[in-house]
N, C-alpha and C. Protein backbone atom coordinates (compact mmCIF):
# COMPACT_ATOMS: atom_id res chain seq x y z
N MET A 1 32.01 -16.74 -12.92
CA MET A 1 31.54 -17.63 -11.86
C MET A 1 30.65 -16.87 -10.85
N ARG A 2 31.08 -15.66 -10.51
CA ARG A 2 30.29 -14.87 -9.57
C ARG A 2 28.91 -14.56 -10.14
N ALA A 3 28.87 -14.29 -11.44
CA ALA A 3 27.59 -14.00 -12.08
C ALA A 3 26.67 -15.21 -12.03
N VAL A 4 27.23 -16.40 -12.20
CA VAL A 4 26.44 -17.63 -12.14
C VAL A 4 25.88 -17.83 -10.74
N ILE A 5 26.72 -17.61 -9.74
CA ILE A 5 26.28 -17.76 -8.34
C ILE A 5 25.20 -16.74 -8.01
N ARG A 6 25.40 -15.50 -8.49
CA ARG A 6 24.42 -14.45 -8.23
C ARG A 6 23.07 -14.79 -8.85
N ARG A 7 23.09 -15.28 -10.10
CA ARG A 7 21.85 -15.66 -10.76
C ARG A 7 21.17 -16.83 -10.06
N ALA A 8 21.98 -17.77 -9.58
CA ALA A 8 21.42 -18.92 -8.86
C ALA A 8 20.74 -18.47 -7.57
N LYS A 9 21.39 -17.55 -6.85
CA LYS A 9 20.81 -17.03 -5.61
C LYS A 9 19.50 -16.30 -5.90
N GLN A 10 19.48 -15.53 -6.98
CA GLN A 10 18.27 -14.81 -7.34
C GLN A 10 17.14 -15.77 -7.70
N SER A 11 17.48 -16.86 -8.39
CA SER A 11 16.46 -17.85 -8.76
C SER A 11 15.87 -18.52 -7.53
N VAL A 12 16.74 -18.87 -6.58
CA VAL A 12 16.27 -19.49 -5.34
C VAL A 12 15.40 -18.51 -4.56
N GLN A 13 15.84 -17.26 -4.51
CA GLN A 13 15.08 -16.23 -3.81
C GLN A 13 13.69 -16.05 -4.41
N GLU A 14 13.60 -15.99 -5.72
CA GLU A 14 12.31 -15.84 -6.37
C GLU A 14 11.42 -17.05 -6.16
N LEU A 15 12.02 -18.25 -6.15
CA LEU A 15 11.25 -19.46 -5.91
C LEU A 15 10.64 -19.45 -4.52
N ILE A 16 11.45 -19.08 -3.53
CA ILE A 16 10.96 -19.03 -2.15
C ILE A 16 9.88 -17.98 -2.02
N ARG A 17 10.08 -16.82 -2.63
CA ARG A 17 9.09 -15.75 -2.55
C ARG A 17 7.75 -16.18 -3.13
N SER A 18 7.79 -16.89 -4.26
CA SER A 18 6.54 -17.26 -4.93
C SER A 18 5.86 -18.46 -4.29
N ARG A 19 6.64 -19.42 -3.81
CA ARG A 19 6.07 -20.67 -3.29
C ARG A 19 5.90 -20.67 -1.77
N ALA A 20 6.74 -19.91 -1.07
CA ALA A 20 6.70 -19.93 0.40
C ALA A 20 6.92 -18.53 0.95
N PRO A 21 5.94 -17.62 0.73
CA PRO A 21 6.12 -16.25 1.19
C PRO A 21 6.30 -16.13 2.69
N GLY A 22 5.70 -17.06 3.45
CA GLY A 22 5.90 -17.03 4.90
C GLY A 22 7.34 -17.28 5.28
N LEU A 23 7.99 -18.21 4.58
CA LEU A 23 9.41 -18.47 4.82
C LEU A 23 10.26 -17.29 4.36
N ALA A 24 9.91 -16.73 3.20
CA ALA A 24 10.65 -15.59 2.68
C ALA A 24 10.61 -14.42 3.66
N TRP A 25 9.49 -14.29 4.34
CA TRP A 25 9.33 -13.21 5.32
C TRP A 25 10.43 -13.25 6.37
N HIS A 26 10.86 -14.46 6.74
CA HIS A 26 11.87 -14.60 7.80
C HIS A 26 13.30 -14.49 7.29
N ILE A 27 13.52 -14.77 6.00
CA ILE A 27 14.91 -14.81 5.52
C ILE A 27 15.25 -13.73 4.51
N ASP A 28 14.24 -13.07 3.95
CA ASP A 28 14.49 -12.04 2.94
C ASP A 28 14.59 -10.68 3.61
N PRO A 29 15.59 -9.87 3.26
CA PRO A 29 15.76 -8.58 3.93
C PRO A 29 14.82 -7.48 3.45
N PHE A 30 14.02 -7.74 2.42
CA PHE A 30 13.21 -6.68 1.81
C PHE A 30 12.35 -5.95 2.82
N HIS A 31 11.63 -6.71 3.66
CA HIS A 31 10.68 -6.08 4.57
C HIS A 31 11.35 -5.42 5.77
N ARG A 32 12.69 -5.52 5.84
CA ARG A 32 13.40 -4.88 6.95
C ARG A 32 13.84 -3.46 6.60
N PHE A 33 13.63 -3.03 5.35
CA PHE A 33 13.96 -1.67 4.97
C PHE A 33 13.11 -0.70 5.80
N GLU A 34 13.60 0.51 5.97
CA GLU A 34 12.96 1.47 6.86
C GLU A 34 11.51 1.75 6.50
N ASP A 35 11.20 1.86 5.21
CA ASP A 35 9.82 2.17 4.85
C ASP A 35 8.87 1.03 5.23
N ARG A 36 9.33 -0.22 5.07
CA ARG A 36 8.50 -1.36 5.47
C ARG A 36 8.39 -1.44 6.99
N ARG A 37 9.47 -1.12 7.68
CA ARG A 37 9.42 -1.14 9.15
C ARG A 37 8.39 -0.14 9.66
N VAL A 38 8.37 1.05 9.09
CA VAL A 38 7.39 2.05 9.51
C VAL A 38 5.98 1.57 9.23
N LEU A 39 5.78 0.98 8.06
CA LEU A 39 4.45 0.46 7.71
C LEU A 39 3.99 -0.60 8.70
N ILE A 40 4.86 -1.57 8.96
CA ILE A 40 4.48 -2.72 9.78
C ILE A 40 4.47 -2.43 11.27
N ASP A 41 5.46 -1.67 11.73
CA ASP A 41 5.62 -1.47 13.17
C ASP A 41 4.98 -0.20 13.70
N VAL A 42 4.60 0.72 12.82
CA VAL A 42 4.02 1.99 13.27
C VAL A 42 2.61 2.20 12.72
N ILE A 43 2.47 2.10 11.41
CA ILE A 43 1.17 2.39 10.80
C ILE A 43 0.15 1.28 11.09
N PHE A 44 0.54 0.04 10.86
CA PHE A 44 -0.39 -1.07 11.11
C PHE A 44 -0.90 -1.09 12.55
N PRO A 45 -0.02 -1.00 13.56
CA PRO A 45 -0.54 -1.05 14.94
C PRO A 45 -1.55 0.06 15.25
N TYR A 46 -1.33 1.23 14.68
CA TYR A 46 -2.29 2.31 14.91
C TYR A 46 -3.66 1.94 14.35
N LEU A 47 -3.70 1.45 13.10
CA LEU A 47 -4.96 1.08 12.48
C LEU A 47 -5.62 -0.08 13.21
N ILE A 48 -4.82 -1.05 13.60
CA ILE A 48 -5.35 -2.22 14.29
C ILE A 48 -5.94 -1.83 15.65
N GLY A 49 -5.32 -0.87 16.32
CA GLY A 49 -5.78 -0.46 17.64
C GLY A 49 -6.91 0.55 17.63
N ASP A 50 -7.26 1.10 16.48
CA ASP A 50 -8.31 2.11 16.39
C ASP A 50 -9.66 1.42 16.21
N PRO A 51 -10.56 1.51 17.20
CA PRO A 51 -11.86 0.84 17.08
C PRO A 51 -12.72 1.42 15.96
N GLY A 52 -12.42 2.63 15.50
CA GLY A 52 -13.16 3.24 14.40
C GLY A 52 -12.75 2.71 13.04
N VAL A 53 -11.68 1.95 13.01
CA VAL A 53 -11.20 1.35 11.76
C VAL A 53 -11.56 -0.12 11.77
N GLN A 54 -12.56 -0.49 11.01
CA GLN A 54 -12.98 -1.89 10.94
C GLN A 54 -12.78 -2.48 9.55
N ARG A 55 -13.05 -1.71 8.51
CA ARG A 55 -12.86 -2.19 7.14
C ARG A 55 -11.64 -1.50 6.55
N VAL A 56 -10.66 -2.32 6.16
CA VAL A 56 -9.39 -1.82 5.65
C VAL A 56 -9.13 -2.39 4.27
N LEU A 57 -8.69 -1.53 3.35
CA LEU A 57 -8.28 -1.99 2.03
C LEU A 57 -6.79 -1.74 1.86
N PHE A 58 -6.06 -2.78 1.46
CA PHE A 58 -4.64 -2.65 1.14
C PHE A 58 -4.51 -2.85 -0.37
N VAL A 59 -3.93 -1.86 -1.04
CA VAL A 59 -3.81 -1.87 -2.50
C VAL A 59 -2.43 -2.34 -2.91
N GLY A 60 -2.40 -3.35 -3.78
CA GLY A 60 -1.13 -3.89 -4.28
C GLY A 60 -0.71 -5.12 -3.50
N CYS A 61 -0.52 -6.23 -4.20
CA CYS A 61 -0.16 -7.49 -3.54
C CYS A 61 1.10 -8.08 -4.17
N ASP A 62 1.92 -8.64 -3.31
CA ASP A 62 3.09 -9.41 -3.73
C ASP A 62 3.46 -10.33 -2.59
N TRP A 63 4.55 -11.07 -2.74
CA TRP A 63 4.88 -12.09 -1.74
C TRP A 63 4.98 -11.51 -0.34
N TYR A 64 5.50 -10.30 -0.22
CA TYR A 64 5.74 -9.72 1.10
C TYR A 64 4.47 -9.18 1.76
N THR A 65 3.35 -9.09 1.02
CA THR A 65 2.11 -8.64 1.63
C THR A 65 1.26 -9.79 2.17
N LYS A 66 1.62 -11.01 1.85
CA LYS A 66 0.81 -12.16 2.26
C LYS A 66 0.56 -12.22 3.76
N PRO A 67 1.56 -11.97 4.63
CA PRO A 67 1.32 -12.07 6.07
C PRO A 67 0.49 -10.93 6.65
N TYR A 68 0.20 -9.91 5.89
CA TYR A 68 -0.51 -8.75 6.44
C TYR A 68 -1.91 -9.11 6.92
N GLU A 69 -2.56 -10.03 6.24
CA GLU A 69 -3.93 -10.39 6.63
C GLU A 69 -3.98 -10.90 8.05
N ARG A 70 -2.98 -11.65 8.47
CA ARG A 70 -2.96 -12.16 9.85
C ARG A 70 -2.90 -11.03 10.85
N ARG A 71 -2.19 -9.97 10.52
CA ARG A 71 -2.09 -8.83 11.43
C ARG A 71 -3.44 -8.14 11.61
N PHE A 72 -4.25 -8.20 10.57
CA PHE A 72 -5.57 -7.56 10.63
C PHE A 72 -6.67 -8.59 10.86
N SER A 73 -6.37 -9.64 11.59
CA SER A 73 -7.32 -10.74 11.76
C SER A 73 -8.60 -10.32 12.48
N ARG A 74 -8.56 -9.25 13.26
CA ARG A 74 -9.75 -8.78 13.98
C ARG A 74 -10.49 -7.69 13.20
N LYS A 75 -10.03 -7.41 12.02
CA LYS A 75 -10.66 -6.41 11.17
C LYS A 75 -11.22 -7.10 9.92
N GLU A 76 -12.01 -6.35 9.16
CA GLU A 76 -12.46 -6.81 7.85
C GLU A 76 -11.44 -6.31 6.83
N TYR A 77 -10.50 -7.18 6.50
CA TYR A 77 -9.34 -6.80 5.70
C TYR A 77 -9.52 -7.21 4.25
N TRP A 78 -9.38 -6.25 3.34
CA TRP A 78 -9.52 -6.48 1.91
C TRP A 78 -8.20 -6.16 1.21
N THR A 79 -8.02 -6.76 0.04
CA THR A 79 -6.88 -6.41 -0.81
C THR A 79 -7.38 -6.18 -2.24
N LEU A 80 -6.60 -5.41 -2.98
CA LEU A 80 -6.88 -5.17 -4.39
C LEU A 80 -5.58 -5.23 -5.16
N GLU A 81 -5.61 -5.93 -6.29
CA GLU A 81 -4.42 -6.07 -7.14
C GLU A 81 -4.88 -6.25 -8.57
N VAL A 82 -4.24 -5.54 -9.49
CA VAL A 82 -4.66 -5.59 -10.89
C VAL A 82 -4.23 -6.88 -11.57
N GLU A 83 -3.15 -7.52 -11.11
CA GLU A 83 -2.64 -8.73 -11.74
C GLU A 83 -3.26 -9.97 -11.10
N ASP A 84 -3.97 -10.74 -11.90
CA ASP A 84 -4.67 -11.91 -11.37
C ASP A 84 -3.71 -12.96 -10.81
N ASN A 85 -2.49 -13.05 -11.37
CA ASN A 85 -1.55 -14.07 -10.89
C ASN A 85 -0.99 -13.76 -9.50
N LYS A 86 -1.33 -12.60 -8.95
CA LYS A 86 -0.90 -12.26 -7.59
C LYS A 86 -2.03 -12.42 -6.58
N ARG A 87 -3.13 -13.01 -7.03
CA ARG A 87 -4.26 -13.24 -6.13
C ARG A 87 -3.85 -14.03 -4.88
N ARG A 88 -2.92 -14.96 -5.06
CA ARG A 88 -2.52 -15.82 -3.94
C ARG A 88 -1.85 -15.04 -2.81
N TYR A 89 -1.41 -13.83 -3.11
CA TYR A 89 -0.79 -13.00 -2.07
C TYR A 89 -1.80 -12.08 -1.39
N GLY A 90 -3.04 -12.12 -1.83
CA GLY A 90 -4.06 -11.23 -1.29
C GLY A 90 -4.84 -11.87 -0.15
N ALA A 91 -5.84 -11.15 0.29
CA ALA A 91 -6.69 -11.61 1.39
C ALA A 91 -7.82 -12.49 0.87
N LYS A 92 -8.57 -13.06 1.80
CA LYS A 92 -9.76 -13.83 1.40
C LYS A 92 -10.75 -12.91 0.67
N ARG A 93 -10.84 -11.68 1.16
CA ARG A 93 -11.66 -10.67 0.48
C ARG A 93 -10.73 -9.92 -0.49
N HIS A 94 -10.71 -10.37 -1.72
CA HIS A 94 -9.74 -9.85 -2.68
C HIS A 94 -10.44 -9.40 -3.96
N ILE A 95 -9.99 -8.28 -4.50
CA ILE A 95 -10.53 -7.74 -5.74
C ILE A 95 -9.43 -7.73 -6.79
N VAL A 96 -9.70 -8.29 -7.95
CA VAL A 96 -8.78 -8.23 -9.08
C VAL A 96 -9.29 -7.14 -10.02
N ALA A 97 -8.65 -5.98 -9.96
CA ALA A 97 -9.10 -4.84 -10.76
C ALA A 97 -8.12 -3.70 -10.59
N PRO A 98 -8.11 -2.76 -11.52
CA PRO A 98 -7.34 -1.54 -11.29
C PRO A 98 -8.02 -0.70 -10.21
N LEU A 99 -7.23 0.06 -9.49
CA LEU A 99 -7.77 0.84 -8.38
C LEU A 99 -8.86 1.81 -8.84
N ARG A 100 -8.74 2.34 -10.03
CA ARG A 100 -9.73 3.31 -10.51
C ARG A 100 -11.12 2.70 -10.60
N SER A 101 -11.23 1.34 -10.62
CA SER A 101 -12.52 0.65 -10.74
C SER A 101 -13.09 0.23 -9.39
N LEU A 102 -12.48 0.65 -8.30
CA LEU A 102 -12.89 0.17 -6.97
C LEU A 102 -14.37 0.36 -6.71
N ALA A 103 -14.93 1.49 -7.13
CA ALA A 103 -16.34 1.78 -6.83
C ALA A 103 -17.30 0.82 -7.52
N ALA A 104 -16.82 0.04 -8.47
CA ALA A 104 -17.67 -0.96 -9.12
C ALA A 104 -17.81 -2.22 -8.25
N TYR A 105 -17.00 -2.33 -7.20
CA TYR A 105 -16.98 -3.56 -6.39
C TYR A 105 -17.50 -3.35 -4.98
N VAL A 106 -17.45 -2.14 -4.47
CA VAL A 106 -17.96 -1.87 -3.12
C VAL A 106 -18.80 -0.60 -3.15
N ALA A 107 -19.61 -0.44 -2.12
CA ALA A 107 -20.49 0.72 -2.04
C ALA A 107 -19.71 1.98 -1.67
N PRO A 108 -20.25 3.13 -1.95
CA PRO A 108 -19.62 4.37 -1.48
C PRO A 108 -19.49 4.36 0.05
N ALA A 109 -18.45 5.01 0.55
CA ALA A 109 -18.20 5.12 1.99
C ALA A 109 -18.06 3.76 2.67
N PHE A 110 -17.55 2.78 1.96
CA PHE A 110 -17.47 1.40 2.46
C PHE A 110 -16.31 1.19 3.43
N PHE A 111 -15.16 1.77 3.12
CA PHE A 111 -13.96 1.51 3.92
C PHE A 111 -13.71 2.59 4.96
N ASP A 112 -13.08 2.16 6.06
CA ASP A 112 -12.64 3.08 7.10
C ASP A 112 -11.20 3.55 6.85
N ALA A 113 -10.44 2.75 6.13
CA ALA A 113 -9.05 3.12 5.83
C ALA A 113 -8.63 2.43 4.54
N ILE A 114 -7.87 3.16 3.73
CA ILE A 114 -7.29 2.60 2.51
C ILE A 114 -5.79 2.90 2.53
N ILE A 115 -5.00 1.84 2.34
CA ILE A 115 -3.55 1.97 2.29
C ILE A 115 -3.11 1.72 0.86
N CYS A 116 -2.52 2.72 0.26
CA CYS A 116 -2.06 2.63 -1.13
C CYS A 116 -0.55 2.86 -1.11
N ASN A 117 0.20 1.81 -0.94
CA ASN A 117 1.64 1.93 -0.72
C ASN A 117 2.43 1.31 -1.88
N GLY A 118 3.28 2.12 -2.51
CA GLY A 118 4.16 1.59 -3.54
C GLY A 118 3.51 1.32 -4.87
N VAL A 119 2.32 1.88 -5.11
CA VAL A 119 1.69 1.70 -6.41
C VAL A 119 1.56 3.02 -7.17
N PHE A 120 1.68 4.13 -6.47
CA PHE A 120 1.72 5.44 -7.13
C PHE A 120 3.17 5.69 -7.53
N MET A 121 3.53 5.10 -8.67
CA MET A 121 4.93 5.16 -9.09
C MET A 121 5.05 4.74 -10.56
N VAL A 122 6.18 5.07 -11.12
CA VAL A 122 6.49 4.61 -12.47
C VAL A 122 6.49 3.08 -12.47
N THR A 123 5.89 2.47 -13.48
CA THR A 123 5.66 1.04 -13.67
C THR A 123 4.35 0.56 -13.05
N ALA A 124 3.65 1.41 -12.31
CA ALA A 124 2.35 1.00 -11.75
C ALA A 124 1.32 2.07 -12.13
N ILE A 125 0.84 2.83 -11.17
CA ILE A 125 -0.04 3.96 -11.48
C ILE A 125 0.89 5.13 -11.79
N GLU A 126 1.17 5.33 -13.07
CA GLU A 126 2.31 6.17 -13.43
C GLU A 126 1.97 7.44 -14.20
N THR A 127 0.69 7.74 -14.41
CA THR A 127 0.32 8.96 -15.11
C THR A 127 -0.83 9.63 -14.37
N PRO A 128 -1.00 10.94 -14.55
CA PRO A 128 -2.17 11.61 -13.96
C PRO A 128 -3.48 11.02 -14.46
N GLU A 129 -3.50 10.58 -15.71
CA GLU A 129 -4.72 10.00 -16.28
C GLU A 129 -5.13 8.71 -15.57
N GLU A 130 -4.15 8.01 -15.01
CA GLU A 130 -4.43 6.80 -14.24
C GLU A 130 -4.60 7.13 -12.76
N ALA A 131 -3.77 8.04 -12.25
CA ALA A 131 -3.76 8.32 -10.81
C ALA A 131 -5.01 9.06 -10.34
N GLU A 132 -5.43 10.09 -11.05
CA GLU A 132 -6.55 10.88 -10.57
C GLU A 132 -7.84 10.07 -10.43
N PRO A 133 -8.22 9.24 -11.44
CA PRO A 133 -9.40 8.39 -11.23
C PRO A 133 -9.21 7.39 -10.08
N SER A 134 -7.98 6.97 -9.85
CA SER A 134 -7.71 6.05 -8.73
C SER A 134 -7.92 6.76 -7.40
N PHE A 135 -7.46 7.99 -7.30
CA PHE A 135 -7.67 8.76 -6.08
C PHE A 135 -9.16 9.08 -5.88
N VAL A 136 -9.86 9.35 -6.98
CA VAL A 136 -11.30 9.58 -6.90
C VAL A 136 -12.01 8.35 -6.34
N ALA A 137 -11.61 7.17 -6.81
CA ALA A 137 -12.22 5.92 -6.33
C ALA A 137 -11.98 5.75 -4.83
N CYS A 138 -10.78 6.07 -4.38
CA CYS A 138 -10.49 5.97 -2.94
C CYS A 138 -11.35 6.95 -2.15
N TYR A 139 -11.45 8.17 -2.65
CA TYR A 139 -12.26 9.19 -1.97
C TYR A 139 -13.72 8.73 -1.89
N THR A 140 -14.23 8.20 -2.98
CA THR A 140 -15.63 7.76 -3.03
C THR A 140 -15.89 6.61 -2.07
N CYS A 141 -14.95 5.68 -1.98
CA CYS A 141 -15.18 4.45 -1.21
C CYS A 141 -14.76 4.56 0.25
N LEU A 142 -14.22 5.70 0.65
CA LEU A 142 -13.93 5.96 2.06
C LEU A 142 -15.13 6.63 2.72
N ARG A 143 -15.40 6.27 3.95
CA ARG A 143 -16.44 6.96 4.70
C ARG A 143 -15.91 8.34 5.12
N PRO A 144 -16.78 9.29 5.42
CA PRO A 144 -16.33 10.55 6.01
C PRO A 144 -15.55 10.28 7.30
N GLY A 145 -14.41 10.87 7.43
CA GLY A 145 -13.53 10.59 8.57
C GLY A 145 -12.59 9.43 8.33
N GLY A 146 -12.72 8.77 7.16
CA GLY A 146 -11.85 7.65 6.83
C GLY A 146 -10.45 8.11 6.45
N LEU A 147 -9.48 7.23 6.64
CA LEU A 147 -8.07 7.56 6.40
C LEU A 147 -7.60 7.02 5.06
N PHE A 148 -6.85 7.84 4.36
CA PHE A 148 -6.19 7.43 3.12
C PHE A 148 -4.70 7.60 3.33
N ILE A 149 -3.95 6.51 3.19
CA ILE A 149 -2.50 6.52 3.41
C ILE A 149 -1.82 6.21 2.09
N LEU A 150 -1.04 7.17 1.62
CA LEU A 150 -0.35 7.04 0.33
C LEU A 150 1.15 6.94 0.57
N GLY A 151 1.72 5.80 0.18
CA GLY A 151 3.16 5.61 0.26
C GLY A 151 3.77 5.77 -1.12
N TRP A 152 4.74 6.66 -1.26
CA TRP A 152 5.29 6.97 -2.58
C TRP A 152 6.75 7.38 -2.43
N ASN A 153 7.49 7.30 -3.55
CA ASN A 153 8.90 7.63 -3.55
C ASN A 153 9.11 9.04 -4.11
N ASP A 154 9.71 9.89 -3.30
CA ASP A 154 9.85 11.30 -3.66
C ASP A 154 11.15 11.55 -4.44
N THR A 155 11.24 10.93 -5.61
CA THR A 155 12.33 11.20 -6.54
C THR A 155 11.72 11.40 -7.91
N ALA A 156 12.34 12.24 -8.72
CA ALA A 156 11.78 12.59 -10.02
C ALA A 156 11.63 11.37 -10.93
N GLU A 157 12.53 10.39 -10.81
CA GLU A 157 12.47 9.24 -11.70
C GLU A 157 11.48 8.18 -11.24
N LEU A 158 10.98 8.26 -10.01
CA LEU A 158 10.09 7.23 -9.50
C LEU A 158 8.64 7.70 -9.31
N ARG A 159 8.44 8.97 -9.05
CA ARG A 159 7.07 9.44 -8.83
C ARG A 159 6.47 9.92 -10.15
N PRO A 160 5.19 9.68 -10.37
CA PRO A 160 4.54 10.18 -11.59
C PRO A 160 4.50 11.70 -11.63
N TYR A 161 4.17 12.29 -10.48
CA TYR A 161 4.14 13.75 -10.30
C TYR A 161 3.97 14.01 -8.81
N PRO A 162 4.32 15.17 -8.32
CA PRO A 162 4.17 15.43 -6.88
C PRO A 162 2.72 15.34 -6.45
N PRO A 163 2.41 14.62 -5.39
CA PRO A 163 1.02 14.51 -4.92
C PRO A 163 0.39 15.87 -4.63
N GLU A 164 1.22 16.85 -4.29
CA GLU A 164 0.70 18.18 -4.01
C GLU A 164 0.00 18.79 -5.23
N GLU A 165 0.29 18.27 -6.41
CA GLU A 165 -0.32 18.78 -7.63
C GLU A 165 -1.64 18.09 -7.97
N SER A 166 -2.03 17.12 -7.17
CA SER A 166 -3.25 16.36 -7.44
C SER A 166 -4.48 17.13 -6.99
N GLU A 167 -5.39 17.39 -7.92
CA GLU A 167 -6.65 18.06 -7.58
C GLU A 167 -7.53 17.18 -6.70
N THR A 168 -7.45 15.87 -6.91
CA THR A 168 -8.28 14.95 -6.12
C THR A 168 -7.78 14.85 -4.69
N LEU A 169 -6.47 14.71 -4.51
CA LEU A 169 -5.93 14.63 -3.16
C LEU A 169 -6.19 15.92 -2.39
N ALA A 170 -6.32 17.03 -3.09
CA ALA A 170 -6.61 18.30 -2.43
C ALA A 170 -8.00 18.30 -1.80
N ARG A 171 -8.85 17.37 -2.19
CA ARG A 171 -10.19 17.26 -1.59
C ARG A 171 -10.11 16.66 -0.18
N PHE A 172 -9.06 15.88 0.07
CA PHE A 172 -8.83 15.37 1.42
C PHE A 172 -8.25 16.47 2.30
N ARG A 173 -8.23 16.21 3.60
CA ARG A 173 -7.51 17.07 4.53
C ARG A 173 -6.28 16.32 5.02
N PRO A 174 -5.17 17.02 5.25
CA PRO A 174 -4.01 16.35 5.85
C PRO A 174 -4.39 15.79 7.22
N PHE A 175 -3.87 14.62 7.52
CA PHE A 175 -4.15 13.97 8.81
C PHE A 175 -2.85 13.87 9.60
N LEU A 176 -2.85 14.43 10.78
CA LEU A 176 -1.67 14.35 11.65
C LEU A 176 -1.63 12.96 12.26
N PHE A 177 -0.76 12.12 11.72
CA PHE A 177 -0.70 10.73 12.19
C PHE A 177 -0.09 10.71 13.59
N PRO A 178 -0.84 10.27 14.61
CA PRO A 178 -0.39 10.43 15.99
C PRO A 178 0.97 9.80 16.30
N SER A 179 1.21 8.61 15.78
CA SER A 179 2.45 7.90 16.12
C SER A 179 3.68 8.56 15.52
N LEU A 180 3.50 9.38 14.50
CA LEU A 180 4.62 10.02 13.82
C LEU A 180 4.60 11.54 13.96
N ALA A 181 3.51 12.08 14.48
CA ALA A 181 3.37 13.52 14.74
C ALA A 181 3.55 14.36 13.48
N THR A 182 3.10 13.85 12.36
CA THR A 182 3.19 14.59 11.10
C THR A 182 2.17 14.03 10.12
N HIS A 183 1.86 14.79 9.09
CA HIS A 183 0.97 14.28 8.04
C HIS A 183 1.77 13.83 6.82
N ARG A 184 3.10 14.02 6.87
CA ARG A 184 3.95 13.63 5.73
C ARG A 184 5.29 13.16 6.29
N TYR A 185 5.50 11.85 6.28
CA TYR A 185 6.69 11.28 6.93
C TYR A 185 7.67 10.74 5.89
N LEU A 186 8.86 11.31 5.87
CA LEU A 186 9.93 10.86 4.98
C LEU A 186 10.77 9.81 5.69
N THR A 187 10.82 8.60 5.12
CA THR A 187 11.60 7.53 5.73
C THR A 187 13.07 7.66 5.37
N ASP A 188 13.90 7.03 6.14
CA ASP A 188 15.35 7.05 5.91
C ASP A 188 15.72 6.00 4.87
N THR A 189 15.40 6.31 3.62
CA THR A 189 15.68 5.40 2.51
C THR A 189 16.28 6.19 1.36
N GLY A 190 17.12 5.53 0.56
CA GLY A 190 17.75 6.19 -0.56
C GLY A 190 16.76 6.63 -1.62
N TYR A 191 15.63 5.93 -1.71
CA TYR A 191 14.60 6.28 -2.69
C TYR A 191 13.56 7.23 -2.10
N ARG A 192 13.84 7.77 -0.92
CA ARG A 192 13.01 8.81 -0.29
C ARG A 192 11.53 8.41 -0.22
N HIS A 193 11.29 7.25 0.39
CA HIS A 193 9.90 6.81 0.50
C HIS A 193 9.17 7.67 1.53
N VAL A 194 8.01 8.16 1.12
CA VAL A 194 7.22 9.06 1.95
C VAL A 194 5.86 8.43 2.22
N TYR A 195 5.38 8.62 3.45
CA TYR A 195 3.99 8.29 3.76
C TYR A 195 3.23 9.60 3.95
N SER A 196 2.21 9.80 3.12
CA SER A 196 1.34 10.96 3.24
C SER A 196 0.00 10.49 3.81
N PHE A 197 -0.47 11.19 4.83
CA PHE A 197 -1.69 10.78 5.54
C PHE A 197 -2.80 11.80 5.28
N PHE A 198 -3.96 11.28 4.89
CA PHE A 198 -5.11 12.11 4.57
C PHE A 198 -6.33 11.60 5.29
N VAL A 199 -7.29 12.49 5.49
CA VAL A 199 -8.59 12.10 6.04
C VAL A 199 -9.67 12.70 5.15
N LYS A 200 -10.72 11.94 4.92
CA LYS A 200 -11.84 12.42 4.11
C LYS A 200 -12.74 13.29 4.99
N PRO A 201 -13.00 14.51 4.57
CA PRO A 201 -13.85 15.40 5.39
C PRO A 201 -15.26 14.84 5.57
């Protein structure tokens, strides 16, 4: 009986997430986890308040990303997602493509900031062969002085490989994120979610 109730709750939860992401935002605990809190309450306000950040790309879309566009209403906010069926969770300016193909859709040095959170992981961008061209695309499409924010899980079973081993990321410089006073912030989560902050020279 408990299994039936659990499955029913999961079905209702998925229905709300897919059909009414705004409602899910208020009743689903997912976005209250520490890594999401840091993203929404610390990282977003910094980017929104920085007059040098006008064009922002958020990589990866799902039900919980739908409200993000409203937060960036005074910016030119873009989204990118490889799965076409998640287009409804993206921004008005939305690209359906793998991240490695970004340069085919925008000009070099187009963005002031790129947020790549939760996609550098097993089940998404999960190999060096996929990740390195994706990082190259981000580097190419960021302006000099632009910010690249990589959110990833620092566990052997979830990360493709340590970002410190990436030749492409080594082309960036570490960025001391003012609100957190570090260039690498480990959140208080069991999956050790980390935000690494970079700036393009």
